């Protein structure tokens, strides 16, 4: 048995959870916040049998596609108290997936 921790963008979460439950996976959803953009993320906890890992990863890959967004970044101030933000393209989306071995699992 494995514990999969998948960190996804909030906008992908509803579709991902729907797809996972349709495929028979049980999902626990936790709200989280990303450190770089300080934007909303969702952390999913999924217990899965070893033989279903590849199927689970394929569902995540299908739903959580990387995309590029433009955001304003404020560099060091040019003049006291004045900042000149400039647009900056960054990649978001996709998912960060951790797959951990589970020594013991009980459903009570």
PDB file of N, CA and C in Angstrom:
ATOM      1  N   UNK A   1       0.842  -1.177   0.000  1.00  0.00           N
ATOM      2  CA  UNK A   1       0.000   0.000   0.000  1.00  0.00           C
ATOM      3  C   UNK A   1       0.880   1.231   0.000  1.00  0.00           C
ATOM      4  N   UNK A   2       0.398   2.286  -0.657  1.00  0.00           N
ATOM      5  CA  UNK A   2       1.117   3.556  -0.767  1.00  0.00           C
ATOM      6  C   UNK A   2       0.216   4.690  -0.295  1.00  0.00           C
ATOM      7  N   UNK A   3       0.865   5.751   0.192  1.00  0.00           N
ATOM      8  CA  UNK A   3       0.181   7.007   0.460  1.00  0.00           C
ATOM      9  C   UNK A   3       0.701   7.994  -0.565  1.00  0.00           C
ATOM     10  N   UNK A   4      -0.211   8.547  -1.355  1.00  0.00           N
ATOM     11  CA  UNK A   4       0.154   9.529  -2.363  1.00  0.00           C
ATOM     12  C   UNK A   4      -0.268  10.898  -1.853  1.00  0.00           C
ATOM     13  N   UNK A   5       0.681  11.812  -1.837  1.00  0.00           N
ATOM     14  CA  UNK A   5       0.408  13.201  -1.484  1.00  0.00           C
ATOM     15  C   UNK A   5       0.568  13.993  -2.774  1.00  0.00           C
ATOM     16  N   UNK A   6      -0.525  14.575  -3.258  1.00  0.00           N
ATOM     17  CA  UNK A   6      -0.497  15.333  -4.506  1.00  0.00           C
ATOM     18  C   UNK A   6      -0.852  16.781  -4.209  1.00  0.00           C
ATOM     19  N   UNK A   7       0.043  17.689  -4.560  1.00  0.00           N
ATOM     20  CA  UNK A   7      -0.194  19.120  -4.366  1.00  0.00           C
ATOM     21  C   UNK A   7      -0.545  19.703  -5.721  1.00  0.00           C
ATOM     22  N   UNK A   8      -1.745  20.291  -5.813  1.00  0.00           N
ATOM     23  CA  UNK A   8      -2.264  20.772  -7.095  1.00  0.00           C
ATOM     24  C   UNK A   8      -2.722  22.222  -6.970  1.00  0.00           C
ATOM     25  N   UNK A   9      -2.882  22.880  -8.099  1.00  0.00           N
ATOM     26  CA  UNK A   9      -3.446  24.224  -8.134  1.00  0.00           C
ATOM     27  C   UNK A   9      -4.940  24.132  -7.828  1.00  0.00           C
ATOM     28  N   UNK A  10      -5.463  25.142  -7.123  1.00  0.00           N
ATOM     29  CA  UNK A  10      -6.876  25.127  -6.762  1.00  0.00           C
ATOM     30  C   UNK A  10      -7.790  24.952  -7.969  1.00  0.00           C
ATOM     31  N   UNK A  11      -7.443  25.569  -9.090  1.00  0.00           N
ATOM     32  CA  UNK A  11      -8.333  25.503 -10.250  1.00  0.00           C
ATOM     33  C   UNK A  11      -8.400  24.111 -10.886  1.00  0.00           C
ATOM     34  N   UNK A  12      -7.454  23.237 -10.580  1.00  0.00           N
ATOM     35  CA  UNK A  12      -7.482  21.864 -11.095  1.00  0.00           C
ATOM     36  C   UNK A  12      -8.168  20.886 -10.146  1.00  0.00           C
ATOM     37  N   UNK A  13      -8.365  21.307  -8.912  1.00  0.00           N
ATOM     38  CA  UNK A  13      -8.761  20.372  -7.857  1.00  0.00           C
ATOM     39  C   UNK A  13     -10.119  19.724  -8.075  1.00  0.00           C
ATOM     40  N   UNK A  14     -11.144  20.513  -8.358  1.00  0.00           N
ATOM     41  CA  UNK A  14     -12.492  19.945  -8.495  1.00  0.00           C
ATOM     42  C   UNK A  14     -12.531  18.882  -9.586  1.00  0.00           C
ATOM     43  N   UNK A  15     -11.931  19.185 -10.724  1.00  0.00           N
ATOM     44  CA  UNK A  15     -11.914  18.227 -11.830  1.00  0.00           C
ATOM     45  C   UNK A  15     -11.098  16.988 -11.470  1.00  0.00           C
ATOM     46  N   UNK A  16      -9.970  17.183 -10.782  1.00  0.00           N
ATOM     47  CA  UNK A  16      -9.137  16.048 -10.396  1.00  0.00           C
ATOM     48  C   UNK A  16      -9.853  15.146  -9.403  1.00  0.00           C
ATOM     49  N   UNK A  17     -10.439  15.725  -8.368  1.00  0.00           N
ATOM     50  CA  UNK A  17     -11.155  14.924  -7.366  1.00  0.00           C
ATOM     51  C   UNK A  17     -12.300  14.158  -8.024  1.00  0.00           C
ATOM     52  N   UNK A  18     -13.018  14.804  -8.925  1.00  0.00           N
ATOM     53  CA  UNK A  18     -14.109  14.145  -9.643  1.00  0.00           C
ATOM     54  C   UNK A  18     -13.592  12.949 -10.446  1.00  0.00           C
ATOM     55  N   UNK A  19     -12.506  13.163 -11.186  1.00  0.00           N
ATOM     56  CA  UNK A  19     -11.927  12.076 -11.992  1.00  0.00           C
ATOM     57  C   UNK A  19     -11.420  10.939 -11.117  1.00  0.00           C
ATOM     58  N   UNK A  20     -10.784  11.277 -10.001  1.00  0.00           N
ATOM     59  CA  UNK A  20     -10.256  10.245  -9.113  1.00  0.00           C
ATOM     60  C   UNK A  20     -11.367   9.409  -8.495  1.00  0.00           C
ATOM     61  N   UNK A  21     -12.435  10.055  -8.038  1.00  0.00           N
ATOM     62  CA  UNK A  21     -13.528   9.298  -7.426  1.00  0.00           C
ATOM     63  C   UNK A  21     -14.262   8.452  -8.463  1.00  0.00           C
ATOM     64  N   UNK A  22     -14.373   8.946  -9.694  1.00  0.00           N
ATOM     65  CA  UNK A  22     -14.971   8.140 -10.771  1.00  0.00           C
ATOM     66  C   UNK A  22     -14.158   6.876 -11.034  1.00  0.00           C
ATOM     67  N   UNK A  23     -12.846   6.964 -10.854  1.00  0.00           N
ATOM     68  CA  UNK A  23     -11.958   5.812 -11.067  1.00  0.00           C
ATOM     69  C   UNK A  23     -11.857   4.926  -9.828  1.00  0.00           C
ATOM     70  N   UNK A  24     -12.572   5.276  -8.752  1.00  0.00           N
ATOM     71  CA  UNK A  24     -12.612   4.437  -7.561  1.00  0.00           C
ATOM     72  C   UNK A  24     -11.578   4.752  -6.491  1.00  0.00           C
ATOM     73  N   UNK A  25     -10.873   5.875  -6.624  1.00  0.00           N
ATOM     74  CA  UNK A  25      -9.893   6.259  -5.612  1.00  0.00           C
ATOM     75  C   UNK A  25     -10.574   7.073  -4.523  1.00  0.00           C
ATOM     76  N   UNK A  26     -10.145   6.878  -3.282  1.00  0.00           N
ATOM     77  CA  UNK A  26     -10.637   7.659  -2.152  1.00  0.00           C
ATOM     78  C   UNK A  26      -9.658   8.803  -1.917  1.00  0.00           C
ATOM     79  N   UNK A  27     -10.191   9.989  -1.748  1.00  0.00           N
ATOM     80  CA  UNK A  27      -9.363  11.186  -1.681  1.00  0.00           C
ATOM     81  C   UNK A  27      -9.736  12.016  -0.460  1.00  0.00           C
ATOM     82  N   UNK A  28      -8.729  12.502   0.255  1.00  0.00           N
ATOM     83  CA  UNK A  28      -8.926  13.488   1.316  1.00  0.00           C
ATOM     84  C   UNK A  28      -8.300  14.787   0.843  1.00  0.00           C
ATOM     85  N   UNK A  29      -9.072  15.869   0.905  1.00  0.00           N
ATOM     86  CA  UNK A  29      -8.649  17.158   0.367  1.00  0.00           C
ATOM     87  C   UNK A  29      -8.310  18.121   1.510  1.00  0.00           C
ATOM     88  N   UNK A  30      -7.132  18.733   1.429  1.00  0.00           N
ATOM     89  CA  UNK A  30      -6.687  19.714   2.414  1.00  0.00           C
ATOM     90  C   UNK A  30      -6.336  21.017   1.711  1.00  0.00           C
ATOM     91  N   UNK A  31      -6.785  22.146   2.259  1.00  0.00           N
ATOM     92  CA  UNK A  31      -6.410  23.447   1.698  1.00  0.00           C
ATOM     93  C   UNK A  31      -4.974  23.747   2.099  1.00  0.00           C
ATOM     94  N   UNK A  32      -4.200  24.307   1.179  1.00  0.00           N
ATOM     95  CA  UNK A  32      -2.821  24.676   1.473  1.00  0.00           C
ATOM     96  C   UNK A  32      -2.466  25.930   0.671  1.00  0.00           C
ATOM     97  N   UNK A  33      -1.328  26.505   0.981  1.00  0.00           N
ATOM     98  CA  UNK A  33      -0.896  27.715   0.293  1.00  0.00           C
ATOM     99  C   UNK A  33       0.523  27.528  -0.200  1.00  0.00           C
ATOM    100  N   UNK A  34       0.758  27.899  -1.460  1.00  0.00           N
ATOM    101  CA  UNK A  34       2.094  27.780  -2.022  1.00  0.00           C
ATOM    102  C   UNK A  34       3.017  28.861  -1.478  1.00  0.00           C
ATOM    103  N   UNK A  35       4.274  28.551  -1.359  1.00  0.00           N
ATOM    104  CA  UNK A  35       5.236  29.488  -0.804  1.00  0.00           C
ATOM    105  C   UNK A  35       5.707  30.539  -1.781  1.00  0.00           C
ATOM    106  N   UNK A  36       5.870  30.187  -3.058  1.00  0.00           N
ATOM    107  CA  UNK A  36       6.435  31.122  -4.022  1.00  0.00           C
ATOM    108  C   UNK A  36       5.438  32.212  -4.405  1.00  0.00           C
ATOM    109  N   UNK A  37       4.268  31.816  -4.878  1.00  0.00           N
ATOM    110  CA  UNK A  37       3.259  32.799  -5.287  1.00  0.00           C
ATOM    111  C   UNK A  37       2.279  33.128  -4.175  1.00  0.00           C
ATOM    112  N   UNK A  38       2.349  32.390  -3.098  1.00  0.00           N
ATOM    113  CA  UNK A  38       1.426  32.544  -1.979  1.00  0.00           C
ATOM    114  C   UNK A  38      -0.029  32.437  -2.459  1.00  0.00           C
ATOM    115  N   UNK A  39      -0.231  31.547  -3.411  1.00  0.00           N
ATOM    116  CA  UNK A  39      -1.562  31.331  -3.961  1.00  0.00           C
ATOM    117  C   UNK A  39      -2.129  30.026  -3.418  1.00  0.00           C
ATOM    118  N   UNK A  40      -3.425  29.858  -3.593  1.00  0.00           N
ATOM    119  CA  UNK A  40      -4.092  28.677  -3.074  1.00  0.00           C
ATOM    120  C   UNK A  40      -3.703  27.412  -3.804  1.00  0.00           C
ATOM    121  N   UNK A  41      -3.399  26.417  -3.035  1.00  0.00           N
ATOM    122  CA  UNK A  41      -3.130  25.073  -3.537  1.00  0.00           C
ATOM    123  C   UNK A  41      -4.064  24.127  -2.805  1.00  0.00           C
ATOM    124  N   UNK A  42      -4.125  22.921  -3.277  1.00  0.00           N
ATOM    125  CA  UNK A  42      -4.842  21.883  -2.562  1.00  0.00           C
ATOM    126  C   UNK A  42      -3.912  20.692  -2.438  1.00  0.00           C
ATOM    127  N   UNK A  43      -3.862  20.129  -1.251  1.00  0.00           N
ATOM    128  CA  UNK A  43      -3.075  18.932  -1.007  1.00  0.00           C
ATOM    129  C   UNK A  43      -4.037  17.764  -0.885  1.00  0.00           C
ATOM    130  N   UNK A  44      -3.853  16.766  -1.715  1.00  0.00           N
ATOM    131  CA  UNK A  44      -4.706  15.583  -1.696  1.00  0.00           C
ATOM    132  C   UNK A  44      -3.941  14.419  -1.080  1.00  0.00           C
ATOM    133  N   UNK A  45      -4.604  13.698  -0.192  1.00  0.00           N
ATOM    134  CA  UNK A  45      -4.051  12.483   0.402  1.00  0.00           C
ATOM    135  C   UNK A  45      -4.832  11.312  -0.171  1.00  0.00           C
ATOM    136  N   UNK A  46      -4.123  10.360  -0.763  1.00  0.00           N
ATOM    137  CA  UNK A  46      -4.773   9.244  -1.440  1.00  0.00           C
ATOM    138  C   UNK A  46      -4.073   7.953  -1.034  1.00  0.00           C
ATOM    139  N   UNK A  47      -4.802   7.059  -0.408  1.00  0.00           N
ATOM    140  CA  UNK A  47      -4.287   5.725  -0.108  1.00  0.00           C
ATOM    141  C   UNK A  47      -4.588   4.819  -1.288  1.00  0.00           C
ATOM    142  N   UNK A  48      -3.584   4.082  -1.738  1.00  0.00           N
ATOM    143  CA  UNK A  48      -3.769   3.279  -2.950  1.00  0.00           C
ATOM    144  C   UNK A  48      -2.921   2.005  -2.876  1.00  0.00           C
ATOM    145  N   UNK A  49      -3.465   0.926  -3.425  1.00  0.00           N
ATOM    146  CA  UNK A  49      -2.710  -0.320  -3.523  1.00  0.00           C
ATOM    147  C   UNK A  49      -1.564  -0.151  -4.519  1.00  0.00           C
ATOM    148  N   UNK A  50      -0.501  -0.898  -4.294  1.00  0.00           N
ATOM    149  CA  UNK A  50       0.694  -0.785  -5.136  1.00  0.00           C
ATOM    150  C   UNK A  50       0.397  -0.951  -6.627  1.00  0.00           C
ATOM    151  N   UNK A  51      -0.495  -1.860  -6.963  1.00  0.00           N
ATOM    152  CA  UNK A  51      -0.775  -2.134  -8.374  1.00  0.00           C
ATOM    153  C   UNK A  51      -1.631  -1.056  -9.048  1.00  0.00           C
ATOM    154  N   UNK A  52      -2.115  -0.081  -8.300  1.00  0.00           N
ATOM    155  CA  UNK A  52      -2.946   0.996  -8.862  1.00  0.00           C
ATOM    156  C   UNK A  52      -2.200   2.323  -8.983  1.00  0.00           C
ATOM    157  N   UNK A  53      -0.919   2.338  -8.606  1.00  0.00           N
ATOM    158  CA  UNK A  53      -0.150   3.597  -8.611  1.00  0.00           C
ATOM    159  C   UNK A  53      -0.085   4.220 -10.003  1.00  0.00           C
ATOM    160  N   UNK A  54       0.262   3.442 -11.009  1.00  0.00           N
ATOM    161  CA  UNK A  54       0.398   3.990 -12.360  1.00  0.00           C
ATOM    162  C   UNK A  54      -0.919   4.551 -12.872  1.00  0.00           C
ATOM    163  N   UNK A  55      -2.015   3.863 -12.576  1.00  0.00           N
ATOM    164  CA  UNK A  55      -3.343   4.344 -12.971  1.00  0.00           C
ATOM    165  C   UNK A  55      -3.635   5.686 -12.311  1.00  0.00           C
ATOM    166  N   UNK A  56      -3.316   5.808 -11.038  1.00  0.00           N
ATOM    167  CA  UNK A  56      -3.534   7.054 -10.298  1.00  0.00           C
ATOM    168  C   UNK A  56      -2.704   8.190 -10.887  1.00  0.00           C
ATOM    169  N   UNK A  57      -1.432   7.939 -11.145  1.00  0.00           N
ATOM    170  CA  UNK A  57      -0.549   8.972 -11.690  1.00  0.00           C
ATOM    171  C   UNK A  57      -1.044   9.434 -13.063  1.00  0.00           C
ATOM    172  N   UNK A  58      -1.545   8.522 -13.869  1.00  0.00           N
ATOM    173  CA  UNK A  58      -2.067   8.889 -15.198  1.00  0.00           C
ATOM    174  C   UNK A  58      -3.263   9.824 -15.087  1.00  0.00           C
ATOM    175  N   UNK A  59      -4.132   9.590 -14.103  1.00  0.00           N
ATOM    176  CA  UNK A  59      -5.286  10.478 -13.900  1.00  0.00           C
ATOM    177  C   UNK A  59      -4.798  11.865 -13.507  1.00  0.00           C
ATOM    178  N   UNK A  60      -3.825  11.936 -12.609  1.00  0.00           N
ATOM    179  CA  UNK A  60      -3.291  13.230 -12.189  1.00  0.00           C
ATOM    180  C   UNK A  60      -2.652  13.957 -13.374  1.00  0.00           C
ATOM    181  N   UNK A  61      -1.857  13.255 -14.165  1.00  0.00           N
ATOM    182  CA  UNK A  61      -1.217  13.856 -15.339  1.00  0.00           C
ATOM    183  C   UNK A  61      -2.237  14.351 -16.359  1.00  0.00           C
ATOM    184  N   UNK A  62      -3.336  13.613 -16.511  1.00  0.00           N
ATOM    185  CA  UNK A  62      -4.363  13.993 -17.484  1.00  0.00           C
ATOM    186  C   UNK A  62      -5.041  15.303 -17.092  1.00  0.00           C
ATOM    187  N   UNK A  63      -5.273  15.504 -15.808  1.00  0.00           N
ATOM    188  CA  UNK A  63      -6.047  16.659 -15.340  1.00  0.00           C
ATOM    189  C   UNK A  63      -5.157  17.868 -15.044  1.00  0.00           C
ATOM    190  N   UNK A  64      -4.031  17.669 -14.428  1.00  0.00           N
ATOM    191  CA  UNK A  64      -3.192  18.775 -13.939  1.00  0.00           C
ATOM    192  C   UNK A  64      -2.131  19.135 -14.967  1.00  0.00           C
ATOM    193  N   UNK A  65      -2.492  19.997 -15.889  1.00  0.00           N
ATOM    194  CA  UNK A  65      -1.577  20.409 -16.951  1.00  0.00           C
ATOM    195  C   UNK A  65      -0.853  21.698 -16.547  1.00  0.00           C
ATOM    196  N   UNK A  66       0.459  21.772 -16.801  1.00  0.00           N
ATOM    197  CA  UNK A  66       1.169  23.027 -16.539  1.00  0.00           C
ATOM    198  C   UNK A  66       0.708  24.113 -17.508  1.00  0.00           C
ATOM    199  N   UNK A  67       0.730  25.337 -17.055  1.00  0.00           N
ATOM    200  CA  UNK A  67       0.371  26.485 -17.897  1.00  0.00           C
ATOM    201  C   UNK A  67       1.198  27.681 -17.464  1.00  0.00           C
ATOM    202  N   UNK A  68       1.243  28.697 -18.300  1.00  0.00           N
ATOM    203  CA  UNK A  68       2.020  29.890 -17.998  1.00  0.00           C
ATOM    204  C   UNK A  68       1.083  31.028 -17.626  1.00  0.00           C
ATOM    205  N   UNK A  69       1.448  31.776 -16.587  1.00  0.00           N
ATOM    206  CA  UNK A  69       0.687  32.956 -16.211  1.00  0.00           C
ATOM    207  C   UNK A  69       1.633  34.148 -16.150  1.00  0.00           C
ATOM    208  N   UNK A  70       1.062  35.334 -16.241  1.00  0.00           N
ATOM    209  CA  UNK A  70       1.839  36.556 -16.111  1.00  0.00           C
ATOM    210  C   UNK A  70       1.472  37.193 -14.786  1.00  0.00           C
ATOM    211  N   UNK A  71       2.482  37.525 -14.010  1.00  0.00           N
ATOM    212  CA  UNK A  71       2.264  38.168 -12.725  1.00  0.00           C
ATOM    213  C   UNK A  71       3.205  39.358 -12.621  1.00  0.00           C
ATOM    214  N   UNK A  72       2.888  40.280 -11.738  1.00  0.00           N
ATOM    215  CA  UNK A  72       3.747  41.447 -11.536  1.00  0.00           C
ATOM    216  C   UNK A  72       4.704  41.167 -10.386  1.00  0.00           C
ATOM    217  N   UNK A  73       5.961  41.440 -10.622  1.00  0.00           N
ATOM    218  CA  UNK A  73       6.988  41.244  -9.608  1.00  0.00           C
ATOM    219  C   UNK A  73       7.589  42.601  -9.298  1.00  0.00           C
ATOM    220  N   UNK A  74       7.692  42.951  -8.029  1.00  0.00           N
ATOM    221  CA  UNK A  74       8.289  44.232  -7.642  1.00  0.00           C
ATOM    222  C   UNK A  74       9.753  44.019  -7.274  1.00  0.00           C
ATOM    223  N   UNK A  75      10.655  44.622  -8.047  1.00  0.00           N
ATOM    224  CA  UNK A  75      12.074  44.512  -7.717  1.00  0.00           C
ATOM    225  C   UNK A  75      12.432  45.495  -6.596  1.00  0.00           C
ATOM    226  N   UNK A  76      13.691  45.701  -6.383  1.00  0.00           N
ATOM    227  CA  UNK A  76      14.144  46.675  -5.395  1.00  0.00           C
ATOM    228  C   UNK A  76      13.615  48.057  -5.776  1.00  0.00           C
ATOM    229  N   UNK A  77      13.314  48.895  -4.794  1.00  0.00           N
ATOM    230  CA  UNK A  77      12.781  50.227  -5.120  1.00  0.00           C
ATOM    231  C   UNK A  77      13.804  51.065  -5.881  1.00  0.00           C
ATOM    232  N   UNK A  78      13.306  51.794  -6.884  1.00  0.00           N
ATOM    233  CA  UNK A  78      14.164  52.701  -7.640  1.00  0.00           C
ATOM    234  C   UNK A  78      14.408  53.980  -6.854  1.00  0.00           C
ATOM    235  N   UNK A  79      13.372  54.449  -6.223  1.00  0.00           N
ATOM    236  CA  UNK A  79      13.432  55.651  -5.412  1.00  0.00           C
ATOM    237  C   UNK A  79      12.807  55.283  -4.077  1.00  0.00           C
ATOM    238  N   UNK A  80      13.105  56.014  -3.060  1.00  0.00           N
ATOM    239  CA  UNK A  80      12.541  55.712  -1.747  1.00  0.00           C
ATOM    240  C   UNK A  80      11.029  55.561  -1.830  1.00  0.00           C
ATOM    241  N   UNK A  81      10.521  54.432  -1.365  1.00  0.00           N
ATOM    242  CA  UNK A  81       9.087  54.121  -1.315  1.00  0.00           C
ATOM    243  C   UNK A  81       8.442  53.941  -2.684  1.00  0.00           C
ATOM    244  N   UNK A  82       9.189  53.872  -3.761  1.00  0.00           N
ATOM    245  CA  UNK A  82       8.599  53.690  -5.088  1.00  0.00           C
ATOM    246  C   UNK A  82       9.063  52.352  -5.674  1.00  0.00           C
ATOM    247  N   UNK A  83       8.121  51.566  -6.114  1.00  0.00           N
ATOM    248  CA  UNK A  83       8.425  50.285  -6.747  1.00  0.00           C
ATOM    249  C   UNK A  83       7.903  50.298  -8.166  1.00  0.00           C
ATOM    250  N   UNK A  84       8.638  49.710  -9.071  1.00  0.00           N
ATOM    251  CA  UNK A  84       8.207  49.591 -10.460  1.00  0.00           C
ATOM    252  C   UNK A  84       7.982  48.113 -10.758  1.00  0.00           C
ATOM    253  N   UNK A  85       6.742  47.625 -10.568  1.00  0.00           N
ATOM    254  CA  UNK A  85       6.506  46.217 -10.890  1.00  0.00           C
ATOM    255  C   UNK A  85       6.597  45.984 -12.392  1.00  0.00           C
ATOM    256  N   UNK A  86       7.057  44.811 -12.772  1.00  0.00           N
ATOM    257  CA  UNK A  86       7.124  44.469 -14.180  1.00  0.00           C
ATOM    258  C   UNK A  86       6.524  43.080 -14.377  1.00  0.00           C
ATOM    259  N   UNK A  87       5.927  42.850 -15.549  1.00  0.00           N
ATOM    260  CA  UNK A  87       5.306  41.542 -15.784  1.00  0.00           C
ATOM    261  C   UNK A  87       6.364  40.449 -15.892  1.00  0.00           C
ATOM    262  N   UNK A  88       5.990  39.287 -15.398  1.00  0.00           N
ATOM    263  CA  UNK A  88       6.910  38.159 -15.347  1.00  0.00           C
ATOM    264  C   UNK A  88       6.107  36.905 -15.643  1.00  0.00           C
ATOM    265  N   UNK A  89       6.528  36.121 -16.618  1.00  0.00           N
ATOM    266  CA  UNK A  89       5.843  34.873 -16.961  1.00  0.00           C
ATOM    267  C   UNK A  89       6.416  33.735 -16.116  1.00  0.00           C
ATOM    268  N   UNK A  90       5.522  32.969 -15.502  1.00  0.00           N
ATOM    269  CA  UNK A  90       5.952  31.809 -14.733  1.00  0.00           C
ATOM    270  C   UNK A  90       5.057  30.625 -15.068  1.00  0.00           C
ATOM    271  N   UNK A  91       5.584  29.427 -14.877  1.00  0.00           N
ATOM    272  CA  UNK A  91       4.801  28.213 -15.095  1.00  0.00           C
ATOM    273  C   UNK A  91       4.128  27.815 -13.792  1.00  0.00           C
ATOM    274  N   UNK A  92       2.834  27.529 -13.878  1.00  0.00           N
ATOM    275  CA  UNK A  92       2.068  27.029 -12.742  1.00  0.00           C
ATOM    276  C   UNK A  92       1.307  25.801 -13.208  1.00  0.00           C
ATOM    277  N   UNK A  93       0.599  25.191 -12.298  1.00  0.00           N
ATOM    278  CA  UNK A  93      -0.190  24.025 -12.657  1.00  0.00           C
ATOM    279  C   UNK A  93       0.637  22.766 -12.549  1.00  0.00           C
ATOM    280  N   UNK A  94       0.148  21.742 -13.184  1.00  0.00           N
ATOM    281  CA  UNK A  94       0.796  20.458 -12.997  1.00  0.00           C
ATOM    282  C   UNK A  94       0.507  19.996 -11.581  1.00  0.00           C
ATOM    283  N   UNK A  95       1.314  19.131 -11.078  1.00  0.00           N
ATOM    284  CA  UNK A  95       1.146  18.641  -9.710  1.00  0.00           C
ATOM    285  C   UNK A  95       2.493  18.202  -9.187  1.00  0.00           C
ATOM    286  N   UNK A  96       2.644  18.324  -7.889  1.00  0.00           N
ATOM    287  CA  UNK A  96       3.793  17.756  -7.206  1.00  0.00           C
ATOM    288  C   UNK A  96       3.285  16.529  -6.475  1.00  0.00           C
ATOM    289  N   UNK A  97       3.867  15.371  -6.771  1.00  0.00           N
ATOM    290  CA  UNK A  97       3.346  14.107  -6.249  1.00  0.00           C
ATOM    291  C   UNK A  97       4.433  13.383  -5.460  1.00  0.00           C
ATOM    292  N   UNK A  98       4.099  13.042  -4.218  1.00  0.00           N
ATOM    293  CA  UNK A  98       4.973  12.235  -3.368  1.00  0.00           C
ATOM    294  C   UNK A  98       4.308  10.882  -3.183  1.00  0.00           C
ATOM    295  N   UNK A  99       5.060   9.804  -3.342  1.00  0.00           N
ATOM    296  CA  UNK A  99       4.534   8.452  -3.163  1.00  0.00           C
ATOM    297  C   UNK A  99       5.325   7.793  -2.047  1.00  0.00           C
ATOM    298  N   UNK A 100       4.628   7.475  -0.956  1.00  0.00           N
ATOM    299  CA  UNK A 100       5.272   6.951   0.240  1.00  0.00           C
ATOM    300  C   UNK A 100       4.783   5.538   0.538  1.00  0.00           C
ATOM    301  N   UNK A 101       5.676   4.702   1.028  1.00  0.00           N
ATOM    302  CA  UNK A 101       5.286   3.369   1.479  1.00  0.00           C
ATOM    303  C   UNK A 101       4.505   3.485   2.782  1.00  0.00           C
ATOM    304  N   UNK A 102       3.497   2.626   2.929  1.00  0.00           N
ATOM    305  CA  UNK A 102       2.696   2.587   4.153  1.00  0.00           C
ATOM    306  C   UNK A 102       2.992   1.266   4.842  1.00  0.00           C
ATOM    307  N   UNK A 103       3.473   1.338   6.072  1.00  0.00           N
ATOM    308  CA  UNK A 103       3.776   0.128   6.826  1.00  0.00           C
ATOM    309  C   UNK A 103       2.507  -0.575   7.312  1.00  0.00           C
ATOM    310  N   UNK A 104       1.520   0.229   7.681  1.00  0.00           N
ATOM    311  CA  UNK A 104       0.283  -0.342   8.226  1.00  0.00           C
ATOM    312  C   UNK A 104      -0.878   0.552   7.862  1.00  0.00           C
ATOM    313  N   UNK A 105      -2.003  -0.084   7.512  1.00  0.00           N
ATOM    314  CA  UNK A 105      -3.207   0.640   7.153  1.00  0.00           C
ATOM    315  C   UNK A 105      -4.387  -0.071   7.813  1.00  0.00           C
ATOM    316  N   UNK A 106      -5.227   0.704   8.476  1.00  0.00           N
ATOM    317  CA  UNK A 106      -6.447   0.155   9.055  1.00  0.00           C
ATOM    318  C   UNK A 106      -7.580   1.115   8.778  1.00  0.00           C
ATOM    319  N   UNK A 107      -8.692   0.573   8.384  1.00  0.00           N
ATOM    320  CA  UNK A 107      -9.901   1.373   8.173  1.00  0.00           C
ATOM    321  C   UNK A 107     -10.874   0.994   9.278  1.00  0.00           C
ATOM    322  N   UNK A 108     -11.087   1.922  10.190  1.00  0.00           N
ATOM    323  CA  UNK A 108     -11.900   1.638  11.370  1.00  0.00           C
ATOM    324  C   UNK A 108     -13.231   2.370  11.290  1.00  0.00           C
TER     325      UNK A 108
END
